[in-house]
Amino acid sequence: MFTLNDLFDIAIKMEENGRSVYLNALKQTHNREIESLVQWMADEEKRHKSWFQEQKGRLSTGSRDLDVMLPGVIKEMMGDNSLSLSELDFSKITRFC
């Protein structure tokens, strides 16, 4: 079972992983528009990480109910979906709308 603190740690790690994927993707593309979009996405992941870190810092010791409730909520939201971007080949993206 995950605690609320664990969930924040997972969220922070997911943001770090996402940022890493986008920064590596910048090396794969030579299209300026796509580079700009991917850089923006990397910057967003950095902001998300900071937000999660701030929220984690605000945790109170009275969060036991959330510790029990959140794992079920997360499972219900995610189902069997993966959050990995590792399958995405950014070098094959030629344009975006």
PDB file of N, CA and C in Angstrom:
ATOM      1  N   MET A   1       0.843  -1.183   0.000  1.00  0.00           N
ATOM      2  CA  MET A   1       0.000   0.000   0.000  1.00  0.00           C
ATOM      3  C   MET A   1       0.888   1.247   0.000  1.00  0.00           C
ATOM      4  N   PHE A   2       0.501   2.224  -0.763  1.00  0.00           N
ATOM      5  CA  PHE A   2       1.241   3.476  -0.842  1.00  0.00           C
ATOM      6  C   PHE A   2       0.694   4.489   0.151  1.00  0.00           C
ATOM      7  N   THR A   3       1.589   5.258   0.730  1.00  0.00           N
ATOM      8  CA  THR A   3       1.173   6.388   1.549  1.00  0.00           C
ATOM      9  C   THR A   3       1.083   7.604   0.647  1.00  0.00           C
ATOM     10  N   LEU A   4       0.507   8.660   1.159  1.00  0.00           N
ATOM     11  CA  LEU A   4       0.435   9.910   0.401  1.00  0.00           C
ATOM     12  C   LEU A   4       1.843  10.392   0.059  1.00  0.00           C
ATOM     13  N   ASN A   5       2.748  10.252   0.997  1.00  0.00           N
ATOM     14  CA  ASN A   5       4.142  10.629   0.759  1.00  0.00           C
ATOM     15  C   ASN A   5       4.728   9.817  -0.401  1.00  0.00           C
ATOM     16  N   ASP A   6       4.431   8.522  -0.433  1.00  0.00           N
ATOM     17  CA  ASP A   6       4.895   7.660  -1.533  1.00  0.00           C
ATOM     18  C   ASP A   6       4.348   8.146  -2.872  1.00  0.00           C
ATOM     19  N   LEU A   7       3.067   8.513  -2.871  1.00  0.00           N
ATOM     20  CA  LEU A   7       2.448   8.961  -4.121  1.00  0.00           C
ATOM     21  C   LEU A   7       3.087  10.246  -4.632  1.00  0.00           C
ATOM     22  N   PHE A   8       3.421  11.147  -3.723  1.00  0.00           N
ATOM     23  CA  PHE A   8       4.131  12.353  -4.154  1.00  0.00           C
ATOM     24  C   PHE A   8       5.506  11.999  -4.711  1.00  0.00           C
ATOM     25  N   ASP A   9       6.192  11.061  -4.069  1.00  0.00           N
ATOM     26  CA  ASP A   9       7.500  10.625  -4.572  1.00  0.00           C
ATOM     27  C   ASP A   9       7.380  10.021  -5.967  1.00  0.00           C
ATOM     28  N   ILE A  10       6.336   9.222  -6.188  1.00  0.00           N
ATOM     29  CA  ILE A  10       6.101   8.626  -7.508  1.00  0.00           C
ATOM     30  C   ILE A  10       5.811   9.709  -8.535  1.00  0.00           C
ATOM     31  N   ALA A  11       4.964  10.653  -8.179  1.00  0.00           N
ATOM     32  CA  ALA A  11       4.624  11.742  -9.099  1.00  0.00           C
ATOM     33  C   ALA A  11       5.863  12.557  -9.459  1.00  0.00           C
ATOM     34  N   ILE A  12       6.697  12.836  -8.467  1.00  0.00           N
ATOM     35  CA  ILE A  12       7.934  13.592  -8.709  1.00  0.00           C
ATOM     36  C   ILE A  12       8.841  12.815  -9.660  1.00  0.00           C
ATOM     37  N   LYS A  13       8.970  11.515  -9.441  1.00  0.00           N
ATOM     38  CA  LYS A  13       9.812  10.687 -10.303  1.00  0.00           C
ATOM     39  C   LYS A  13       9.249  10.632 -11.721  1.00  0.00           C
ATOM     40  N   MET A  14       7.922  10.569 -11.845  1.00  0.00           N
ATOM     41  CA  MET A  14       7.310  10.556 -13.178  1.00  0.00           C
ATOM     42  C   MET A  14       7.616  11.850 -13.925  1.00  0.00           C
ATOM     43  N   GLU A  15       7.577  12.964 -13.231  1.00  0.00           N
ATOM     44  CA  GLU A  15       7.887  14.249 -13.867  1.00  0.00           C
ATOM     45  C   GLU A  15       9.357  14.297 -14.288  1.00  0.00           C
ATOM     46  N   GLU A  16      10.234  13.780 -13.436  1.00  0.00           N
ATOM     47  CA  GLU A  16      11.663  13.722 -13.791  1.00  0.00           C
ATOM     48  C   GLU A  16      11.880  12.845 -15.016  1.00  0.00           C
ATOM     49  N   ASN A  17      11.207  11.689 -15.040  1.00  0.00           N
ATOM     50  CA  ASN A  17      11.337  10.786 -16.186  1.00  0.00           C
ATOM     51  C   ASN A  17      10.800  11.420 -17.462  1.00  0.00           C
ATOM     52  N   GLY A  18       9.661  12.088 -17.354  1.00  0.00           N
ATOM     53  CA  GLY A  18       9.090  12.763 -18.526  1.00  0.00           C
ATOM     54  C   GLY A  18      10.021  13.833 -19.053  1.00  0.00           C
ATOM     55  N   ARG A  19      10.576  14.636 -18.150  1.00  0.00           N
ATOM     56  CA  ARG A  19      11.520  15.683 -18.563  1.00  0.00           C
ATOM     57  C   ARG A  19      12.723  15.073 -19.268  1.00  0.00           C
ATOM     58  N   SER A  20      13.221  13.974 -18.738  1.00  0.00           N
ATOM     59  CA  SER A  20      14.368  13.302 -19.352  1.00  0.00           C
ATOM     60  C   SER A  20      14.042  12.829 -20.765  1.00  0.00           C
ATOM     61  N   VAL A  21      12.862  12.275 -20.945  1.00  0.00           N
ATOM     62  CA  VAL A  21      12.434  11.824 -22.280  1.00  0.00           C
ATOM     63  C   VAL A  21      12.411  12.999 -23.248  1.00  0.00           C
ATOM     64  N   TYR A  22      11.830  14.117 -22.815  1.00  0.00           N
ATOM     65  CA  TYR A  22      11.724  15.278 -23.701  1.00  0.00           C
ATOM     66  C   TYR A  22      13.093  15.883 -24.003  1.00  0.00           C
ATOM     67  N   LEU A  23      13.970  15.939 -23.014  1.00  0.00           N
ATOM     68  CA  LEU A  23      15.308  16.481 -23.266  1.00  0.00           C
ATOM     69  C   LEU A  23      16.092  15.583 -24.224  1.00  0.00           C
ATOM     70  N   ASN A  24      15.915  14.280 -24.094  1.00  0.00           N
ATOM     71  CA  ASN A  24      16.554  13.369 -25.051  1.00  0.00           C
ATOM     72  C   ASN A  24      15.937  13.500 -26.434  1.00  0.00           C
ATOM     73  N   ALA A  25      14.642  13.773 -26.483  1.00  0.00           N
ATOM     74  CA  ALA A  25      13.956  13.937 -27.769  1.00  0.00           C
ATOM     75  C   ALA A  25      14.485  15.153 -28.517  1.00  0.00           C
ATOM     76  N   LEU A  26      14.922  16.174 -27.784  1.00  0.00           N
ATOM     77  CA  LEU A  26      15.477  17.361 -28.438  1.00  0.00           C
ATOM     78  C   LEU A  26      16.681  17.012 -29.300  1.00  0.00           C
ATOM     79  N   LYS A  27      17.381  15.963 -28.923  1.00  0.00           N
ATOM     80  CA  LYS A  27      18.565  15.525 -29.681  1.00  0.00           C
ATOM     81  C   LYS A  27      18.175  14.771 -30.949  1.00  0.00           C
ATOM     82  N   GLN A  28      16.915  14.340 -31.042  1.00  0.00           N
ATOM     83  CA  GLN A  28      16.463  13.508 -32.163  1.00  0.00           C
ATOM     84  C   GLN A  28      15.774  14.297 -33.267  1.00  0.00           C
ATOM     85  N   THR A  29      15.365  15.503 -32.969  1.00  0.00           N
ATOM     86  CA  THR A  29      14.610  16.258 -33.968  1.00  0.00           C
ATOM     87  C   THR A  29      15.393  17.487 -34.402  1.00  0.00           C
ATOM     88  N   HIS A  30      15.154  17.873 -35.642  1.00  0.00           N
ATOM     89  CA  HIS A  30      15.832  19.055 -36.182  1.00  0.00           C
ATOM     90  C   HIS A  30      14.818  20.050 -36.744  1.00  0.00           C
ATOM     91  N   ASN A  31      13.574  19.856 -36.370  1.00  0.00           N
ATOM     92  CA  ASN A  31      12.504  20.744 -36.783  1.00  0.00           C
ATOM     93  C   ASN A  31      12.315  21.781 -35.676  1.00  0.00           C
ATOM     94  N   ARG A  32      12.451  23.046 -36.029  1.00  0.00           N
ATOM     95  CA  ARG A  32      12.397  24.115 -35.015  1.00  0.00           C
ATOM     96  C   ARG A  32      11.074  24.170 -34.265  1.00  0.00           C
ATOM     97  N   GLU A  33       9.971  23.979 -34.983  1.00  0.00           N
ATOM     98  CA  GLU A  33       8.665  24.011 -34.317  1.00  0.00           C
ATOM     99  C   GLU A  33       8.545  22.884 -33.296  1.00  0.00           C
ATOM    100  N   ILE A  34       8.976  21.704 -33.700  1.00  0.00           N
ATOM    101  CA  ILE A  34       8.899  20.553 -32.797  1.00  0.00           C
ATOM    102  C   ILE A  34       9.880  20.722 -31.638  1.00  0.00           C
ATOM    103  N   GLU A  35      11.059  21.243 -31.917  1.00  0.00           N
ATOM    104  CA  GLU A  35      12.022  21.504 -30.841  1.00  0.00           C
ATOM    105  C   GLU A  35      11.421  22.464 -29.817  1.00  0.00           C
ATOM    106  N   SER A  36      10.760  23.486 -30.294  1.00  0.00           N
ATOM    107  CA  SER A  36      10.135  24.461 -29.398  1.00  0.00           C
ATOM    108  C   SER A  36       9.058  23.802 -28.542  1.00  0.00           C
ATOM    109  N   LEU A  37       8.228  22.979 -29.161  1.00  0.00           N
ATOM    110  CA  LEU A  37       7.166  22.284 -28.436  1.00  0.00           C
ATOM    111  C   LEU A  37       7.754  21.322 -27.404  1.00  0.00           C
ATOM    112  N   VAL A  38       8.744  20.558 -27.797  1.00  0.00           N
ATOM    113  CA  VAL A  38       9.338  19.575 -26.890  1.00  0.00           C
ATOM    114  C   VAL A  38      10.047  20.279 -25.734  1.00  0.00           C
ATOM    115  N   GLN A  39      10.693  21.410 -26.007  1.00  0.00           N
ATOM    116  CA  GLN A  39      11.333  22.163 -24.930  1.00  0.00           C
ATOM    117  C   GLN A  39      10.284  22.686 -23.955  1.00  0.00           C
ATOM    118  N   TRP A  40       9.159  23.149 -24.488  1.00  0.00           N
ATOM    119  CA  TRP A  40       8.064  23.610 -23.628  1.00  0.00           C
ATOM    120  C   TRP A  40       7.557  22.462 -22.754  1.00  0.00           C
ATOM    121  N   MET A  41       7.429  21.281 -23.354  1.00  0.00           N
ATOM    122  CA  MET A  41       6.970  20.115 -22.599  1.00  0.00           C
ATOM    123  C   MET A  41       7.953  19.763 -21.480  1.00  0.00           C
ATOM    124  N   ALA A  42       9.245  19.824 -21.762  1.00  0.00           N
ATOM    125  CA  ALA A  42      10.262  19.562 -20.738  1.00  0.00           C
ATOM    126  C   ALA A  42      10.163  20.592 -19.611  1.00  0.00           C
ATOM    127  N   ASP A  43       9.962  21.852 -19.993  1.00  0.00           N
ATOM    128  CA  ASP A  43       9.827  22.914 -18.989  1.00  0.00           C
ATOM    129  C   ASP A  43       8.579  22.702 -18.126  1.00  0.00           C
ATOM    130  N   GLU A  44       7.500  22.236 -18.731  1.00  0.00           N
ATOM    131  CA  GLU A  44       6.279  21.947 -17.982  1.00  0.00           C
ATOM    132  C   GLU A  44       6.512  20.830 -16.969  1.00  0.00           C
ATOM    133  N   GLU A  45       7.235  19.809 -17.367  1.00  0.00           N
ATOM    134  CA  GLU A  45       7.529  18.713 -16.437  1.00  0.00           C
ATOM    135  C   GLU A  45       8.321  19.237 -15.235  1.00  0.00           C
ATOM    136  N   LYS A  46       9.224  20.157 -15.484  1.00  0.00           N
ATOM    137  CA  LYS A  46      10.004  20.759 -14.390  1.00  0.00           C
ATOM    138  C   LYS A  46       9.089  21.523 -13.440  1.00  0.00           C
ATOM    139  N   ARG A  47       8.135  22.263 -14.001  1.00  0.00           N
ATOM    140  CA  ARG A  47       7.177  22.998 -13.167  1.00  0.00           C
ATOM    141  C   ARG A  47       6.283  22.041 -12.376  1.00  0.00           C
ATOM    142  N   HIS A  48       5.863  20.966 -13.019  1.00  0.00           N
ATOM    143  CA  HIS A  48       5.032  19.977 -12.330  1.00  0.00           C
ATOM    144  C   HIS A  48       5.797  19.364 -11.156  1.00  0.00           C
ATOM    145  N   LYS A  49       7.057  19.032 -11.386  1.00  0.00           N
ATOM    146  CA  LYS A  49       7.876  18.466 -10.313  1.00  0.00           C
ATOM    147  C   LYS A  49       7.942  19.429  -9.129  1.00  0.00           C
ATOM    148  N   SER A  50       8.169  20.694  -9.410  1.00  0.00           N
ATOM    149  CA  SER A  50       8.235  21.695  -8.340  1.00  0.00           C
ATOM    150  C   SER A  50       6.920  21.766  -7.579  1.00  0.00           C
ATOM    151  N   TRP A  51       5.795  21.703  -8.298  1.00  0.00           N
ATOM    152  CA  TRP A  51       4.487  21.756  -7.655  1.00  0.00           C
ATOM    153  C   TRP A  51       4.305  20.563  -6.717  1.00  0.00           C
ATOM    154  N   PHE A  52       4.633  19.366  -7.204  1.00  0.00           N
ATOM    155  CA  PHE A  52       4.505  18.174  -6.361  1.00  0.00           C
ATOM    156  C   PHE A  52       5.414  18.259  -5.143  1.00  0.00           C
ATOM    157  N   GLN A  53       6.611  18.791  -5.330  1.00  0.00           N
ATOM    158  CA  GLN A  53       7.515  18.942  -4.186  1.00  0.00           C
ATOM    159  C   GLN A  53       6.936  19.909  -3.154  1.00  0.00           C
ATOM    160  N   GLU A  54       6.335  20.982  -3.620  1.00  0.00           N
ATOM    161  CA  GLU A  54       5.696  21.936  -2.701  1.00  0.00           C
ATOM    162  C   GLU A  54       4.546  21.278  -1.942  1.00  0.00           C
ATOM    163  N   GLN A  55       3.723  20.528  -2.659  1.00  0.00           N
ATOM    164  CA  GLN A  55       2.589  19.866  -2.017  1.00  0.00           C
ATOM    165  C   GLN A  55       3.070  18.836  -0.995  1.00  0.00           C
ATOM    166  N   LYS A  56       4.106  18.112  -1.349  1.00  0.00           N
ATOM    167  CA  LYS A  56       4.666  17.126  -0.424  1.00  0.00           C
ATOM    168  C   LYS A  56       5.160  17.815   0.846  1.00  0.00           C
ATOM    169  N   GLY A  57       5.750  18.979   0.696  1.00  0.00           N
ATOM    170  CA  GLY A  57       6.248  19.730   1.839  1.00  0.00           C
ATOM    171  C   GLY A  57       5.142  20.214   2.760  1.00  0.00           C
ATOM    172  N   ARG A  58       3.925  20.285   2.248  1.00  0.00           N
ATOM    173  CA  ARG A  58       2.782  20.751   3.043  1.00  0.00           C
ATOM    174  C   ARG A  58       2.045  19.621   3.753  1.00  0.00           C
ATOM    175  N   LEU A  59       2.492  18.396   3.552  1.00  0.00           N
ATOM    176  CA  LEU A  59       1.811  17.253   4.168  1.00  0.00           C
ATOM    177  C   LEU A  59       1.727  17.412   5.677  1.00  0.00           C
ATOM    178  N   SER A  60       0.598  17.059   6.189  1.00  0.00           N
ATOM    179  CA  SER A  60       0.446  17.063   7.647  1.00  0.00           C
ATOM    180  C   SER A  60       0.435  15.619   8.133  1.00  0.00           C
ATOM    181  N   THR A  61       0.658  15.439   9.402  1.00  0.00           N
ATOM    182  CA  THR A  61       0.642  14.096   9.967  1.00  0.00           C
ATOM    183  C   THR A  61      -0.766  13.530  10.031  1.00  0.00           C
ATOM    184  N   GLY A  62      -1.772  14.342   9.799  1.00  0.00           N
ATOM    185  CA  GLY A  62      -3.161  13.881   9.831  1.00  0.00           C
ATOM    186  C   GLY A  62      -3.668  13.389   8.503  1.00  0.00           C
ATOM    187  N   SER A  63      -2.811  12.927   7.631  1.00  0.00           N
ATOM    188  CA  SER A  63      -3.237  12.517   6.294  1.00  0.00           C
ATOM    189  C   SER A  63      -3.485  11.012   6.193  1.00  0.00           C
ATOM    190  N   ARG A  64      -3.693  10.347   7.301  1.00  0.00           N
ATOM    191  CA  ARG A  64      -3.867   8.890   7.307  1.00  0.00           C
ATOM    192  C   ARG A  64      -5.040   8.447   6.436  1.00  0.00           C
ATOM    193  N   ASP A  65      -6.151   9.174   6.472  1.00  0.00           N
ATOM    194  CA  ASP A  65      -7.300   8.792   5.645  1.00  0.00           C
ATOM    195  C   ASP A  65      -6.936   8.793   4.167  1.00  0.00           C
ATOM    196  N   LEU A  66      -6.168   9.787   3.738  1.00  0.00           N
ATOM    197  CA  LEU A  66      -5.745   9.835   2.340  1.00  0.00           C
ATOM    198  C   LEU A  66      -4.778   8.708   2.028  1.00  0.00           C
ATOM    199  N   ASP A  67      -3.921   8.359   2.975  1.00  0.00           N
ATOM    200  CA  ASP A  67      -2.988   7.250   2.771  1.00  0.00           C
ATOM    201  C   ASP A  67      -3.732   5.968   2.439  1.00  0.00           C
ATOM    202  N   VAL A  68      -4.880   5.776   3.049  1.00  0.00           N
ATOM    203  CA  VAL A  68      -5.676   4.574   2.840  1.00  0.00           C
ATOM    204  C   VAL A  68      -6.503   4.687   1.561  1.00  0.00           C
ATOM    205  N   MET A  69      -7.041   5.853   1.287  1.00  0.00           N
ATOM    206  CA  MET A  69      -7.973   6.048   0.188  1.00  0.00           C
ATOM    207  C   MET A  69      -7.284   6.188  -1.175  1.00  0.00           C
ATOM    208  N   LEU A  70      -6.171   6.901  -1.242  1.00  0.00           N
ATOM    209  CA  LEU A  70      -5.581   7.258  -2.529  1.00  0.00           C
ATOM    210  C   LEU A  70      -5.158   6.090  -3.411  1.00  0.00           C
ATOM    211  N   PRO A  71      -4.582   5.016  -2.888  1.00  0.00           N
ATOM    212  CA  PRO A  71      -4.202   3.931  -3.803  1.00  0.00           C
ATOM    213  C   PRO A  71      -5.368   3.408  -4.630  1.00  0.00           C
ATOM    214  N   GLY A  72      -6.540   3.269  -4.011  1.00  0.00           N
ATOM    215  CA  GLY A  72      -7.717   2.819  -4.749  1.00  0.00           C
ATOM    216  C   GLY A  72      -8.164   3.823  -5.781  1.00  0.00           C
ATOM    217  N   VAL A  73      -8.093   5.089  -5.442  1.00  0.00           N
ATOM    218  CA  VAL A  73      -8.471   6.151  -6.377  1.00  0.00           C
ATOM    219  C   VAL A  73      -7.526   6.144  -7.580  1.00  0.00           C
ATOM    220  N   ILE A  74      -6.239   6.040  -7.312  1.00  0.00           N
ATOM    221  CA  ILE A  74      -5.254   6.011  -8.409  1.00  0.00           C
ATOM    222  C   ILE A  74      -5.495   4.807  -9.311  1.00  0.00           C
ATOM    223  N   LYS A  75      -5.710   3.637  -8.731  1.00  0.00           N
ATOM    224  CA  LYS A  75      -5.957   2.425  -9.520  1.00  0.00           C
ATOM    225  C   LYS A  75      -7.210   2.596 -10.369  1.00  0.00           C
ATOM    226  N   GLU A  76      -8.253   3.176  -9.799  1.00  0.00           N
ATOM    227  CA  GLU A  76      -9.488   3.397 -10.541  1.00  0.00           C
ATOM    228  C   GLU A  76      -9.269   4.350 -11.713  1.00  0.00           C
ATOM    229  N   MET A  77      -8.462   5.388 -11.496  1.00  0.00           N
ATOM    230  CA  MET A  77      -8.195   6.374 -12.551  1.00  0.00           C
ATOM    231  C   MET A  77      -7.316   5.789 -13.653  1.00  0.00           C
ATOM    232  N   MET A  78      -6.290   5.043 -13.265  1.00  0.00           N
ATOM    233  CA  MET A  78      -5.292   4.571 -14.221  1.00  0.00           C
ATOM    234  C   MET A  78      -5.658   3.250 -14.885  1.00  0.00           C
ATOM    235  N   GLY A  79      -6.328   2.383 -14.165  1.00  0.00           N
ATOM    236  CA  GLY A  79      -6.598   1.056 -14.704  1.00  0.00           C
ATOM    237  C   GLY A  79      -5.286   0.361 -14.988  1.00  0.00           C
ATOM    238  N   ASP A  80      -5.170  -0.226 -16.159  1.00  0.00           N
ATOM    239  CA  ASP A  80      -3.939  -0.921 -16.543  1.00  0.00           C
ATOM    240  C   ASP A  80      -3.083  -0.090 -17.494  1.00  0.00           C
ATOM    241  N   ASN A  81      -3.339   1.198 -17.581  1.00  0.00           N
ATOM    242  CA  ASN A  81      -2.603   2.065 -18.496  1.00  0.00           C
ATOM    243  C   ASN A  81      -1.198   2.338 -17.984  1.00  0.00           C
ATOM    244  N   SER A  82      -0.295   2.460 -18.918  1.00  0.00           N
ATOM    245  CA  SER A  82       1.094   2.780 -18.610  1.00  0.00           C
ATOM    246  C   SER A  82       1.314   4.275 -18.792  1.00  0.00           C
ATOM    247  N   LEU A  83       2.271   4.811 -18.070  1.00  0.00           N
ATOM    248  CA  LEU A  83       2.604   6.228 -18.209  1.00  0.00           C
ATOM    249  C   LEU A  83       3.949   6.417 -18.900  1.00  0.00           C
ATOM    250  N   SER A  84       4.409   5.413 -19.602  1.00  0.00           N
ATOM    251  CA  SER A  84       5.721   5.470 -20.225  1.00  0.00           C
ATOM    252  C   SER A  84       5.676   6.183 -21.570  1.00  0.00           C
ATOM    253  N   LEU A  85       6.684   7.004 -21.798  1.00  0.00           N
ATOM    254  CA  LEU A  85       6.844   7.653 -23.099  1.00  0.00           C
ATOM    255  C   LEU A  85       7.980   7.000 -23.884  1.00  0.00           C
ATOM    256  N   SER A  86       8.534   5.931 -23.357  1.00  0.00           N
ATOM    257  CA  SER A  86       9.723   5.329 -23.964  1.00  0.00           C
ATOM    258  C   SER A  86       9.456   4.768 -25.357  1.00  0.00           C
ATOM    259  N   GLU A  87       8.198   4.447 -25.682  1.00  0.00           N
ATOM    260  CA  GLU A  87       7.890   3.895 -26.999  1.00  0.00           C
ATOM    261  C   GLU A  87       7.808   4.964 -28.084  1.00  0.00           C
ATOM    262  N   LEU A  88       7.740   6.227 -27.692  1.00  0.00           N
ATOM    263  CA  LEU A  88       7.555   7.319 -28.640  1.00  0.00           C
ATOM    264  C   LEU A  88       8.877   7.685 -29.304  1.00  0.00           C
ATOM    265  N   ASP A  89       8.883   7.696 -30.633  1.00  0.00           N
ATOM    266  CA  ASP A  89      10.075   8.071 -31.398  1.00  0.00           C
ATOM    267  C   ASP A  89       9.873   9.496 -31.906  1.00  0.00           C
ATOM    268  N   PHE A  90      10.434  10.449 -31.193  1.00  0.00           N
ATOM    269  CA  PHE A  90      10.256  11.860 -31.540  1.00  0.00           C
ATOM    270  C   PHE A  90      10.873  12.210 -32.895  1.00  0.00           C
ATOM    271  N   SER A  91      11.842  11.435 -33.359  1.00  0.00           N
ATOM    272  CA  SER A  91      12.482  11.736 -34.640  1.00  0.00           C
ATOM    273  C   SER A  91      11.524  11.534 -35.813  1.00  0.00           C
ATOM    274  N   LYS A  92      10.439  10.801 -35.593  1.00  0.00           N
ATOM    275  CA  LYS A  92       9.475  10.548 -36.673  1.00  0.00           C
ATOM    276  C   LYS A  92       8.365  11.594 -36.743  1.00  0.00           C
ATOM    277  N   ILE A  93       8.333  12.495 -35.791  1.00  0.00           N
ATOM    278  CA  ILE A  93       7.322  13.557 -35.796  1.00  0.00           C
ATOM    279  C   ILE A  93       7.805  14.667 -36.731  1.00  0.00           C
ATOM    280  N   THR A  94       6.982  14.985 -37.710  1.00  0.00           N
ATOM    281  CA  THR A  94       7.387  15.992 -38.698  1.00  0.00           C
ATOM    282  C   THR A  94       6.616  17.294 -38.560  1.00  0.00           C
ATOM    283  N   ARG A  95       5.446  17.242 -37.923  1.00  0.00           N
ATOM    284  CA  ARG A  95       4.674  18.454 -37.716  1.00  0.00           C
ATOM    285  C   ARG A  95       3.679  18.216 -36.600  1.00  0.00           C
ATOM    286  N   PHE A  96       3.122  19.301 -36.094  1.00  0.00           N
ATOM    287  CA  PHE A  96       2.051  19.206 -35.109  1.00  0.00           C
ATOM    288  C   PHE A  96       1.024  20.271 -35.429  1.00  0.00           C
ATOM    289  N   CYS A  97      -0.179  20.059 -34.948  1.00  0.00           N
ATOM    290  CA  CYS A  97      -1.286  20.977 -35.267  1.00  0.00           C
ATOM    291  C   CYS A  97      -1.469  21.996 -34.200  1.00  0.00           C
TER     292      CYS A  97
END
